[in-house]
Amino acid sequence: MSEKIYEMVTNKIIEKLEAGTVPWRKPWVGKSGSARSWKTQKSYRGINTLLLEPGEYITFKQVQEAKGKVKKGAKSEIVVFWKWLEKENEEGETEKIPLLRFYKVFNINQCEGIESKWNEDIQEFEHDPIEEAENIIKGYMNKPSLSWQSGIGAFYQPGNDHVNVPPMKDFPKVEEYYCTMMHELIHSTGHKSRLNREGVTGTLKFGSQTYSKEELIAEIGATMLNGIAGFSEVTFDNSVAYIQSWLNKLKNDKTLIVKAAANAQRAVDHILGVSWDKDE
């Protein structure tokens, strides 16, 4: 049983890495950076912090008890824990043996009729916006719709042409907020109405070469925009680590950097309103 759980956990981490969500690269905190039990409001610990996105999680039974409903098509996640069993050894003494178990949970955003119970003080950070970065975002013509919701992470949804980034107050460093925003905006340039990039418009599988290359483009492009805004050195180490993780996935092919950088520059130019010849 334990071997099966170990495999499930390992596969889940690999899935997250392949999906571009590197567990140790989440610069936001507070409600956007914590996963916890909806019922007990206790934060999950250990390996569960890597398995779960930020938010409140609830079991199917708890949903039923609360008279709620899991949305159709919702996908469950796993939470693992140790259960101690008592067993008598050959000497007649009682021993406690650890047994690794798991149960399935749903993010409350995947449920109907379940209200958040998050009521504790959440750490928030006060920042002054960086004018150069704000101008880049404002200057992006025909950009996707934007939201700043805590607890659901950062992402770009091509189908809705929508970007969500945790609010600025969730980031200890304001530069990391902008780095996260720029990364998702670079993704959005691949929309069919803009640059029509395969890594955004194509049929993608998490961790595929096309998906991995798109992540390289997004992070290189974000680093370029950070440089234009004047603070790339603050976020550079995280960006390099992120890029390296994708190079490892792509067998460390350094030539991909040159190709991804060319696409990243086109994406940056699009955001900045710089025209270029599609036949170049």
C-alpha atoms as a PDB file:
ATOM      1  CA  MET A   1       0.000   0.000   0.000  1.00  0.00           C
ATOM      2  CA  SER A   2       2.790   2.427   0.942  1.00  0.00           C
ATOM      3  CA  GLU A   3       4.593   1.797  -2.359  1.00  0.00           C
ATOM      4  CA  LYS A   4       1.432   2.748  -4.239  1.00  0.00           C
ATOM      5  CA  ILE A   5       1.114   5.988  -2.299  1.00  0.00           C
ATOM      6  CA  TYR A   6       4.778   6.800  -2.811  1.00  0.00           C
ATOM      7  CA  GLU A   7       4.205   6.364  -6.543  1.00  0.00           C
ATOM      8  CA  MET A   8       1.105   8.568  -6.454  1.00  0.00           C
ATOM      9  CA  VAL A   9       2.973  11.276  -4.584  1.00  0.00           C
ATOM     10  CA  THR A  10       5.960  11.075  -6.916  1.00  0.00           C
ATOM     11  CA  ASN A  11       3.754  11.205 -10.006  1.00  0.00           C
ATOM     12  CA  LYS A  12       1.878  14.194  -8.610  1.00  0.00           C
ATOM     13  CA  ILE A  13       5.100  16.128  -8.026  1.00  0.00           C
ATOM     14  CA  ILE A  14       6.304  15.232 -11.523  1.00  0.00           C
ATOM     15  CA  GLU A  15       2.945  16.366 -12.895  1.00  0.00           C
ATOM     16  CA  LYS A  16       3.329  19.716 -11.161  1.00  0.00           C
ATOM     17  CA  LEU A  17       6.872  20.147 -12.440  1.00  0.00           C
ATOM     18  CA  GLU A  18       5.767  19.254 -15.945  1.00  0.00           C
ATOM     19  CA  ALA A  19       2.841  21.647 -15.624  1.00  0.00           C
ATOM     20  CA  GLY A  20       5.254  24.488 -14.937  1.00  0.00           C
ATOM     21  CA  THR A  21       4.336  24.858 -11.295  1.00  0.00           C
ATOM     22  CA  VAL A  22       7.670  24.431  -9.550  1.00  0.00           C
ATOM     23  CA  PRO A  23       6.830  23.929  -5.836  1.00  0.00           C
ATOM     24  CA  TRP A  24       9.810  25.858  -4.520  1.00  0.00           C
ATOM     25  CA  ARG A  25       9.180  28.811  -6.813  1.00  0.00           C
ATOM     26  CA  LYS A  26       6.075  30.449  -5.374  1.00  0.00           C
ATOM     27  CA  PRO A  27       6.998  33.967  -4.297  1.00  0.00           C
ATOM     28  CA  TRP A  28       3.574  34.787  -2.877  1.00  0.00           C
ATOM     29  CA  VAL A  29       2.458  33.983   0.672  1.00  0.00           C
ATOM     30  CA  GLY A  30      -0.602  34.465   2.887  1.00  0.00           C
ATOM     31  CA  LYS A  31      -3.860  33.010   1.639  1.00  0.00           C
ATOM     32  CA  SER A  32      -2.284  32.674  -1.793  1.00  0.00           C
ATOM     33  CA  GLY A  33       0.575  30.590  -0.441  1.00  0.00           C
ATOM     34  CA  SER A  34      -1.038  28.137   1.948  1.00  0.00           C
ATOM     35  CA  ALA A  35      -3.113  24.972   1.607  1.00  0.00           C
ATOM     36  CA  ARG A  36      -5.292  24.000   4.551  1.00  0.00           C
ATOM     37  CA  SER A  37      -8.189  21.884   5.703  1.00  0.00           C
ATOM     38  CA  TRP A  38     -11.527  23.643   5.289  1.00  0.00           C
ATOM     39  CA  LYS A  39     -12.974  21.884   8.331  1.00  0.00           C
ATOM     40  CA  THR A  40     -10.142  22.376  10.834  1.00  0.00           C
ATOM     41  CA  GLN A  41      -8.466  25.427   9.253  1.00  0.00           C
ATOM     42  CA  LYS A  42      -5.106  23.806   9.980  1.00  0.00           C
ATOM     43  CA  SER A  43      -2.402  24.185   7.330  1.00  0.00           C
ATOM     44  CA  TYR A  44      -1.200  21.007   5.681  1.00  0.00           C
ATOM     45  CA  ARG A  45       2.371  20.010   6.396  1.00  0.00           C
ATOM     46  CA  GLY A  46       5.225  18.048   4.872  1.00  0.00           C
ATOM     47  CA  ILE A  47       4.833  16.635   1.394  1.00  0.00           C
ATOM     48  CA  ASN A  48       1.259  17.935   1.220  1.00  0.00           C
ATOM     49  CA  THR A  49       2.580  21.492   0.836  1.00  0.00           C
ATOM     50  CA  LEU A  50       4.056  20.405  -2.502  1.00  0.00           C
ATOM     51  CA  LEU A  51       1.056  18.406  -3.638  1.00  0.00           C
ATOM     52  CA  LEU A  52      -1.595  21.093  -3.150  1.00  0.00           C
ATOM     53  CA  GLU A  53      -2.136  24.526  -4.611  1.00  0.00           C
ATOM     54  CA  PRO A  54      -3.006  27.285  -2.113  1.00  0.00           C
ATOM     55  CA  GLY A  55      -6.567  27.211  -0.810  1.00  0.00           C
ATOM     56  CA  GLU A  56      -9.003  25.373   1.451  1.00  0.00           C
ATOM     57  CA  TYR A  57      -9.650  21.676   0.882  1.00  0.00           C
ATOM     58  CA  ILE A  58     -12.600  19.521   1.791  1.00  0.00           C
ATOM     59  CA  THR A  59     -13.441  15.824   1.519  1.00  0.00           C
ATOM     60  CA  PHE A  60     -16.470  14.587  -0.419  1.00  0.00           C
ATOM     61  CA  LYS A  61     -18.070  13.456   2.831  1.00  0.00           C
ATOM     62  CA  GLN A  62     -17.562  16.894   4.381  1.00  0.00           C
ATOM     63  CA  VAL A  63     -19.154  18.498   1.316  1.00  0.00           C
ATOM     64  CA  GLN A  64     -22.215  16.287   1.769  1.00  0.00           C
ATOM     65  CA  GLU A  65     -22.382  17.014   5.508  1.00  0.00           C
ATOM     66  CA  ALA A  66     -22.266  20.755   4.757  1.00  0.00           C
ATOM     67  CA  LYS A  67     -25.120  20.355   2.242  1.00  0.00           C
ATOM     68  CA  GLY A  68     -22.835  21.413  -0.572  1.00  0.00           C
ATOM     69  CA  LYS A  69     -22.068  19.926  -3.955  1.00  0.00           C
ATOM     70  CA  VAL A  70     -18.895  19.102  -5.887  1.00  0.00           C
ATOM     71  CA  LYS A  71     -19.005  20.677  -9.344  1.00  0.00           C
ATOM     72  CA  LYS A  72     -19.303  18.330 -12.299  1.00  0.00           C
ATOM     73  CA  GLY A  73     -15.899  17.403 -13.688  1.00  0.00           C
ATOM     74  CA  ALA A  74     -14.002  18.521 -10.582  1.00  0.00           C
ATOM     75  CA  LYS A  75     -10.737  16.662 -10.033  1.00  0.00           C
ATOM     76  CA  SER A  76      -9.749  15.526  -6.566  1.00  0.00           C
ATOM     77  CA  GLU A  77      -6.281  15.887  -5.034  1.00  0.00           C
ATOM     78  CA  ILE A  78      -4.617  13.647  -2.465  1.00  0.00           C
ATOM     79  CA  VAL A  79      -3.494  14.375   1.091  1.00  0.00           C
ATOM     80  CA  VAL A  80      -1.147  11.867   2.716  1.00  0.00           C
ATOM     81  CA  PHE A  81      -0.704  11.153   6.420  1.00  0.00           C
ATOM     82  CA  TRP A  82       0.831   8.612   8.778  1.00  0.00           C
ATOM     83  CA  LYS A  83      -1.427   6.359  10.808  1.00  0.00           C
ATOM     84  CA  TRP A  84       0.101   4.534  13.769  1.00  0.00           C
ATOM     85  CA  LEU A  85      -0.919   0.908  14.221  1.00  0.00           C
ATOM     86  CA  GLU A  86      -0.324  -1.059  17.398  1.00  0.00           C
ATOM     87  CA  LYS A  87       1.132  -4.538  16.963  1.00  0.00           C
ATOM     88  CA  GLU A  88       2.391  -7.064  19.451  1.00  0.00           C
ATOM     89  CA  ASN A  89       5.940  -8.256  18.789  1.00  0.00           C
ATOM     90  CA  GLU A  90       7.485 -11.657  19.511  1.00  0.00           C
ATOM     91  CA  GLU A  91       8.317 -10.590  23.059  1.00  0.00           C
ATOM     92  CA  GLY A  92       4.694  -9.762  23.728  1.00  0.00           C
ATOM     93  CA  GLU A  93       5.365  -6.034  23.767  1.00  0.00           C
ATOM     94  CA  THR A  94       3.154  -3.563  21.963  1.00  0.00           C
ATOM     95  CA  GLU A  95       4.870  -1.673  19.150  1.00  0.00           C
ATOM     96  CA  LYS A  96       3.605   1.255  17.111  1.00  0.00           C
ATOM     97  CA  ILE A  97       4.088   0.804  13.383  1.00  0.00           C
ATOM     98  CA  PRO A  98       3.654   3.750  10.957  1.00  0.00           C
ATOM     99  CA  LEU A  99       1.375   3.169   7.973  1.00  0.00           C
ATOM    100  CA  LEU A 100       1.232   5.710   5.175  1.00  0.00           C
ATOM    101  CA  ARG A 101      -2.344   6.470   4.103  1.00  0.00           C
ATOM    102  CA  PHE A 102      -4.077   9.007   1.886  1.00  0.00           C
ATOM    103  CA  TYR A 103      -7.473  10.554   1.304  1.00  0.00           C
ATOM    104  CA  LYS A 104      -8.959  12.622  -1.489  1.00  0.00           C
ATOM    105  CA  VAL A 105      -9.948  16.275  -1.203  1.00  0.00           C
ATOM    106  CA  PHE A 106     -11.392  19.041  -3.359  1.00  0.00           C
ATOM    107  CA  ASN A 107     -10.537  22.723  -3.382  1.00  0.00           C
ATOM    108  CA  ILE A 108     -13.616  24.599  -2.189  1.00  0.00           C
ATOM    109  CA  ASN A 109     -13.481  26.568  -5.466  1.00  0.00           C
ATOM    110  CA  GLN A 110     -14.538  23.270  -7.075  1.00  0.00           C
ATOM    111  CA  CYS A 111     -17.630  23.112  -4.893  1.00  0.00           C
ATOM    112  CA  GLU A 112     -20.997  24.821  -4.703  1.00  0.00           C
ATOM    113  CA  GLY A 113     -22.549  25.894  -1.414  1.00  0.00           C
ATOM    114  CA  ILE A 114     -19.247  25.830   0.507  1.00  0.00           C
ATOM    115  CA  GLU A 115     -18.147  29.167   1.966  1.00  0.00           C
ATOM    116  CA  SER A 116     -14.586  29.947   2.983  1.00  0.00           C
ATOM    117  CA  LYS A 117     -13.884  29.671   6.706  1.00  0.00           C
ATOM    118  CA  TRP A 118     -10.580  31.505   6.455  1.00  0.00           C
ATOM    119  CA  ASN A 119     -10.882  34.051   9.257  1.00  0.00           C
ATOM    120  CA  GLU A 120      -7.417  34.441  10.712  1.00  0.00           C
ATOM    121  CA  ASP A 121      -5.198  37.451  10.180  1.00  0.00           C
ATOM    122  CA  ILE A 122      -3.292  36.968   6.956  1.00  0.00           C
ATOM    123  CA  GLN A 123       0.171  38.400   6.545  1.00  0.00           C
ATOM    124  CA  GLU A 124       0.092  41.252   4.081  1.00  0.00           C
ATOM    125  CA  PHE A 125       2.845  43.405   2.647  1.00  0.00           C
ATOM    126  CA  GLU A 126       2.672  47.075   1.761  1.00  0.00           C
ATOM    127  CA  HIS A 127       4.356  48.039  -1.481  1.00  0.00           C
ATOM    128  CA  ASP A 128       4.589  51.060  -3.693  1.00  0.00           C
ATOM    129  CA  PRO A 129       3.872  50.121  -7.303  1.00  0.00           C
ATOM    130  CA  ILE A 130       6.857  50.263  -9.660  1.00  0.00           C
ATOM    131  CA  GLU A 131       5.960  52.922 -12.203  1.00  0.00           C
ATOM    132  CA  GLU A 132       7.988  51.458 -15.079  1.00  0.00           C
ATOM    133  CA  ALA A 133       6.369  48.041 -14.634  1.00  0.00           C
ATOM    134  CA  GLU A 134       2.877  49.530 -14.320  1.00  0.00           C
ATOM    135  CA  ASN A 135       3.421  51.439 -17.563  1.00  0.00           C
ATOM    136  CA  ILE A 136       4.347  48.205 -19.354  1.00  0.00           C
ATOM    137  CA  ILE A 137       1.143  46.527 -18.170  1.00  0.00           C
ATOM    138  CA  LYS A 138      -1.027  49.552 -18.992  1.00  0.00           C
ATOM    139  CA  GLY A 139       0.613  49.886 -22.394  1.00  0.00           C
ATOM    140  CA  TYR A 140      -0.236  46.328 -23.440  1.00  0.00           C
ATOM    141  CA  MET A 141      -2.985  47.010 -25.958  1.00  0.00           C
ATOM    142  CA  ASN A 142      -5.772  44.457 -26.342  1.00  0.00           C
ATOM    143  CA  LYS A 143      -4.430  42.581 -23.344  1.00  0.00           C
ATOM    144  CA  PRO A 144      -6.329  39.728 -21.682  1.00  0.00           C
ATOM    145  CA  SER A 145      -8.712  40.359 -18.817  1.00  0.00           C
ATOM    146  CA  LEU A 146      -6.933  40.515 -15.453  1.00  0.00           C
ATOM    147  CA  SER A 147      -7.860  39.498 -11.919  1.00  0.00           C
ATOM    148  CA  TRP A 148      -6.015  39.506  -8.604  1.00  0.00           C
ATOM    149  CA  GLN A 149      -7.640  36.728  -6.587  1.00  0.00           C
ATOM    150  CA  SER A 150      -5.851  35.160  -3.636  1.00  0.00           C
ATOM    151  CA  GLY A 151      -5.782  31.453  -3.052  1.00  0.00           C
ATOM    152  CA  ILE A 152      -5.879  30.162  -6.630  1.00  0.00           C
ATOM    153  CA  GLY A 153      -2.320  30.839  -7.794  1.00  0.00           C
ATOM    154  CA  ALA A 154      -1.093  32.526 -10.966  1.00  0.00           C
ATOM    155  CA  PHE A 155      -2.204  31.365 -14.411  1.00  0.00           C
ATOM    156  CA  TYR A 156      -3.215  32.267 -17.951  1.00  0.00           C
ATOM    157  CA  GLN A 157      -6.349  30.675 -19.416  1.00  0.00           C
ATOM    158  CA  PRO A 158      -6.255  30.762 -23.242  1.00  0.00           C
ATOM    159  CA  GLY A 159      -9.915  29.738 -23.552  1.00  0.00           C
ATOM    160  CA  ASN A 160     -11.089  32.750 -21.545  1.00  0.00           C
ATOM    161  CA  ASP A 161      -8.082  34.891 -22.484  1.00  0.00           C
ATOM    162  CA  HIS A 162      -7.700  35.643 -18.805  1.00  0.00           C
ATOM    163  CA  VAL A 163      -4.804  36.142 -16.379  1.00  0.00           C
ATOM    164  CA  ASN A 164      -4.976  35.788 -12.603  1.00  0.00           C
ATOM    165  CA  VAL A 165      -2.124  36.785 -10.312  1.00  0.00           C
ATOM    166  CA  PRO A 166      -2.258  36.945  -6.503  1.00  0.00           C
ATOM    167  CA  PRO A 167      -2.542  40.550  -5.292  1.00  0.00           C
ATOM    168  CA  MET A 168       0.569  42.594  -4.653  1.00  0.00           C
ATOM    169  CA  LYS A 169       0.036  42.414  -0.887  1.00  0.00           C
ATOM    170  CA  ASP A 170       0.652  38.652  -1.006  1.00  0.00           C
ATOM    171  CA  PHE A 171       4.268  39.104  -2.169  1.00  0.00           C
ATOM    172  CA  PRO A 172       7.136  39.833   0.260  1.00  0.00           C
ATOM    173  CA  LYS A 173       8.999  41.402  -2.707  1.00  0.00           C
ATOM    174  CA  VAL A 174       7.075  43.672  -5.027  1.00  0.00           C
ATOM    175  CA  GLU A 175       9.465  42.738  -7.852  1.00  0.00           C
ATOM    176  CA  GLU A 176       8.299  39.114  -7.620  1.00  0.00           C
ATOM    177  CA  TYR A 177       4.720  40.278  -8.078  1.00  0.00           C
ATOM    178  CA  TYR A 178       5.648  41.944 -11.345  1.00  0.00           C
ATOM    179  CA  CYS A 179       7.797  38.986 -12.423  1.00  0.00           C
ATOM    180  CA  THR A 180       4.779  36.720 -11.930  1.00  0.00           C
ATOM    181  CA  MET A 181       2.495  39.110 -13.809  1.00  0.00           C
ATOM    182  CA  MET A 182       4.965  39.465 -16.706  1.00  0.00           C
ATOM    183  CA  HIS A 183       5.309  35.680 -16.983  1.00  0.00           C
ATOM    184  CA  GLU A 184       1.558  35.245 -17.421  1.00  0.00           C
ATOM    185  CA  LEU A 185       1.293  38.202 -19.804  1.00  0.00           C
ATOM    186  CA  ILE A 186       3.992  36.683 -22.008  1.00  0.00           C
ATOM    187  CA  HIS A 187       1.902  33.499 -22.158  1.00  0.00           C
ATOM    188  CA  SER A 188      -1.083  35.587 -23.231  1.00  0.00           C
ATOM    189  CA  THR A 189       0.771  36.920 -26.299  1.00  0.00           C
ATOM    190  CA  GLY A 190       0.537  33.418 -27.737  1.00  0.00           C
ATOM    191  CA  HIS A 191      -3.266  33.673 -28.001  1.00  0.00           C
ATOM    192  CA  LYS A 192      -4.667  33.093 -31.495  1.00  0.00           C
ATOM    193  CA  SER A 193      -5.709  36.758 -31.697  1.00  0.00           C
ATOM    194  CA  ARG A 194      -2.118  37.870 -31.083  1.00  0.00           C
ATOM    195  CA  LEU A 195       0.991  35.860 -32.030  1.00  0.00           C
ATOM    196  CA  ASN A 196      -0.834  32.529 -32.379  1.00  0.00           C
ATOM    197  CA  ARG A 197       1.967  30.554 -30.698  1.00  0.00           C
ATOM    198  CA  GLU A 198       1.688  26.764 -30.713  1.00  0.00           C
ATOM    199  CA  GLY A 199       2.588  26.533 -27.027  1.00  0.00           C
ATOM    200  CA  VAL A 200      -0.649  28.377 -26.228  1.00  0.00           C
ATOM    201  CA  THR A 201      -3.050  27.579 -29.078  1.00  0.00           C
ATOM    202  CA  GLY A 202      -2.076  23.979 -29.790  1.00  0.00           C
ATOM    203  CA  THR A 203      -3.362  20.786 -28.177  1.00  0.00           C
ATOM    204  CA  LEU A 204      -1.011  20.581 -25.232  1.00  0.00           C
ATOM    205  CA  LYS A 205       0.020  17.917 -22.799  1.00  0.00           C
ATOM    206  CA  PHE A 206       1.587  19.033 -19.544  1.00  0.00           C
ATOM    207  CA  GLY A 207       5.301  18.366 -19.708  1.00  0.00           C
ATOM    208  CA  SER A 208       5.407  17.901 -23.481  1.00  0.00           C
ATOM    209  CA  GLN A 209       8.204  19.535 -25.469  1.00  0.00           C
ATOM    210  CA  THR A 210       5.834  22.183 -26.810  1.00  0.00           C
ATOM    211  CA  TYR A 211       4.548  23.005 -23.331  1.00  0.00           C
ATOM    212  CA  SER A 212       8.063  23.063 -21.892  1.00  0.00           C
ATOM    213  CA  LYS A 213       9.299  25.401 -24.623  1.00  0.00           C
ATOM    214  CA  GLU A 214       6.373  27.730 -23.924  1.00  0.00           C
ATOM    215  CA  GLU A 215       7.443  27.912 -20.275  1.00  0.00           C
ATOM    216  CA  LEU A 216      10.963  28.847 -21.393  1.00  0.00           C
ATOM    217  CA  ILE A 217       9.533  31.590 -23.608  1.00  0.00           C
ATOM    218  CA  ALA A 218       7.356  32.941 -20.799  1.00  0.00           C
ATOM    219  CA  GLU A 219      10.146  33.094 -18.233  1.00  0.00           C
ATOM    220  CA  ILE A 220      12.755  34.506 -20.614  1.00  0.00           C
ATOM    221  CA  GLY A 221      10.224  37.089 -21.782  1.00  0.00           C
ATOM    222  CA  ALA A 222       9.361  37.993 -18.189  1.00  0.00           C
ATOM    223  CA  THR A 223      13.063  38.442 -17.445  1.00  0.00           C
ATOM    224  CA  MET A 224      13.370  40.742 -20.458  1.00  0.00           C
ATOM    225  CA  LEU A 225      10.417  42.838 -19.277  1.00  0.00           C
ATOM    226  CA  ASN A 226      11.857  42.958 -15.757  1.00  0.00           C
ATOM    227  CA  GLY A 227      15.084  44.307 -17.241  1.00  0.00           C
ATOM    228  CA  ILE A 228      13.144  46.968 -19.099  1.00  0.00           C
ATOM    229  CA  ALA A 229      11.382  47.870 -15.842  1.00  0.00           C
ATOM    230  CA  GLY A 230      14.759  48.056 -14.107  1.00  0.00           C
ATOM    231  CA  PHE A 231      14.714  45.245 -11.559  1.00  0.00           C
ATOM    232  CA  SER A 232      15.723  42.000 -13.300  1.00  0.00           C
ATOM    233  CA  GLU A 233      18.592  41.432 -10.864  1.00  0.00           C
ATOM    234  CA  VAL A 234      16.111  41.009  -7.993  1.00  0.00           C
ATOM    235  CA  THR A 235      14.272  38.137  -9.665  1.00  0.00           C
ATOM    236  CA  PHE A 236      17.067  36.739 -11.821  1.00  0.00           C
ATOM    237  CA  ASP A 237      18.097  33.811  -9.586  1.00  0.00           C
ATOM    238  CA  ASN A 238      14.541  32.493  -9.416  1.00  0.00           C
ATOM    239  CA  SER A 239      14.159  32.874 -13.166  1.00  0.00           C
ATOM    240  CA  VAL A 240      17.393  31.034 -13.902  1.00  0.00           C
ATOM    241  CA  ALA A 241      16.381  28.185 -11.577  1.00  0.00           C
ATOM    242  CA  TYR A 242      13.014  27.976 -13.282  1.00  0.00           C
ATOM    243  CA  ILE A 243      14.509  28.007 -16.766  1.00  0.00           C
ATOM    244  CA  GLN A 244      17.048  25.351 -15.774  1.00  0.00           C
ATOM    245  CA  SER A 245      14.279  23.080 -14.551  1.00  0.00           C
ATOM    246  CA  TRP A 246      12.752  23.166 -18.022  1.00  0.00           C
ATOM    247  CA  LEU A 247      16.088  22.680 -19.730  1.00  0.00           C
ATOM    248  CA  ASN A 248      16.541  19.540 -17.655  1.00  0.00           C
ATOM    249  CA  LYS A 249      13.151  18.396 -18.884  1.00  0.00           C
ATOM    250  CA  LEU A 250      14.295  19.068 -22.440  1.00  0.00           C
ATOM    251  CA  LYS A 251      17.571  17.136 -22.007  1.00  0.00           C
ATOM    252  CA  ASN A 252      19.552  20.303 -21.313  1.00  0.00           C
ATOM    253  CA  ASP A 253      19.527  21.388 -24.948  1.00  0.00           C
ATOM    254  CA  LYS A 254      21.145  24.825 -24.734  1.00  0.00           C
ATOM    255  CA  THR A 255      20.146  25.651 -28.325  1.00  0.00           C
ATOM    256  CA  LEU A 256      16.581  25.925 -27.054  1.00  0.00           C
ATOM    257  CA  ILE A 257      17.529  29.074 -25.140  1.00  0.00           C
ATOM    258  CA  VAL A 258      18.345  30.879 -28.411  1.00  0.00           C
ATOM    259  CA  LYS A 259      15.113  29.723 -30.042  1.00  0.00           C
ATOM    260  CA  ALA A 260      13.003  30.512 -26.968  1.00  0.00           C
ATOM    261  CA  ALA A 261      14.662  33.928 -26.603  1.00  0.00           C
ATOM    262  CA  ALA A 262      13.718  34.822 -30.180  1.00  0.00           C
ATOM    263  CA  ASN A 263      10.075  33.991 -29.461  1.00  0.00           C
ATOM    264  CA  ALA A 264      10.280  35.767 -26.120  1.00  0.00           C
ATOM    265  CA  GLN A 265      11.515  38.940 -27.769  1.00  0.00           C
ATOM    266  CA  ARG A 266       8.615  38.888 -30.201  1.00  0.00           C
ATOM    267  CA  ALA A 267       6.253  38.480 -27.254  1.00  0.00           C
ATOM    268  CA  VAL A 268       7.900  41.390 -25.430  1.00  0.00           C
ATOM    269  CA  ASP A 269       7.702  43.525 -28.568  1.00  0.00           C
ATOM    270  CA  HIS A 270       4.002  42.734 -28.853  1.00  0.00           C
ATOM    271  CA  ILE A 271       3.357  43.842 -25.275  1.00  0.00           C
ATOM    272  CA  LEU A 272       5.407  47.001 -25.819  1.00  0.00           C
ATOM    273  CA  GLY A 273       3.658  47.746 -29.117  1.00  0.00           C
ATOM    274  CA  VAL A 274       6.781  47.307 -31.241  1.00  0.00           C
ATOM    275  CA  SER A 275       6.005  46.080 -34.755  1.00  0.00           C
ATOM    276  CA  TRP A 276       8.003  43.350 -36.486  1.00  0.00           C
ATOM    277  CA  ASP A 277       7.924  41.566 -39.807  1.00  0.00           C
ATOM    278  CA  LYS A 278       6.293  38.141 -39.519  1.00  0.00           C
ATOM    279  CA  ASP A 279       8.447  36.917 -42.392  1.00  0.00           C
ATOM    280  CA  GLU A 280      11.700  37.609 -40.540  1.00  0.00           C
END
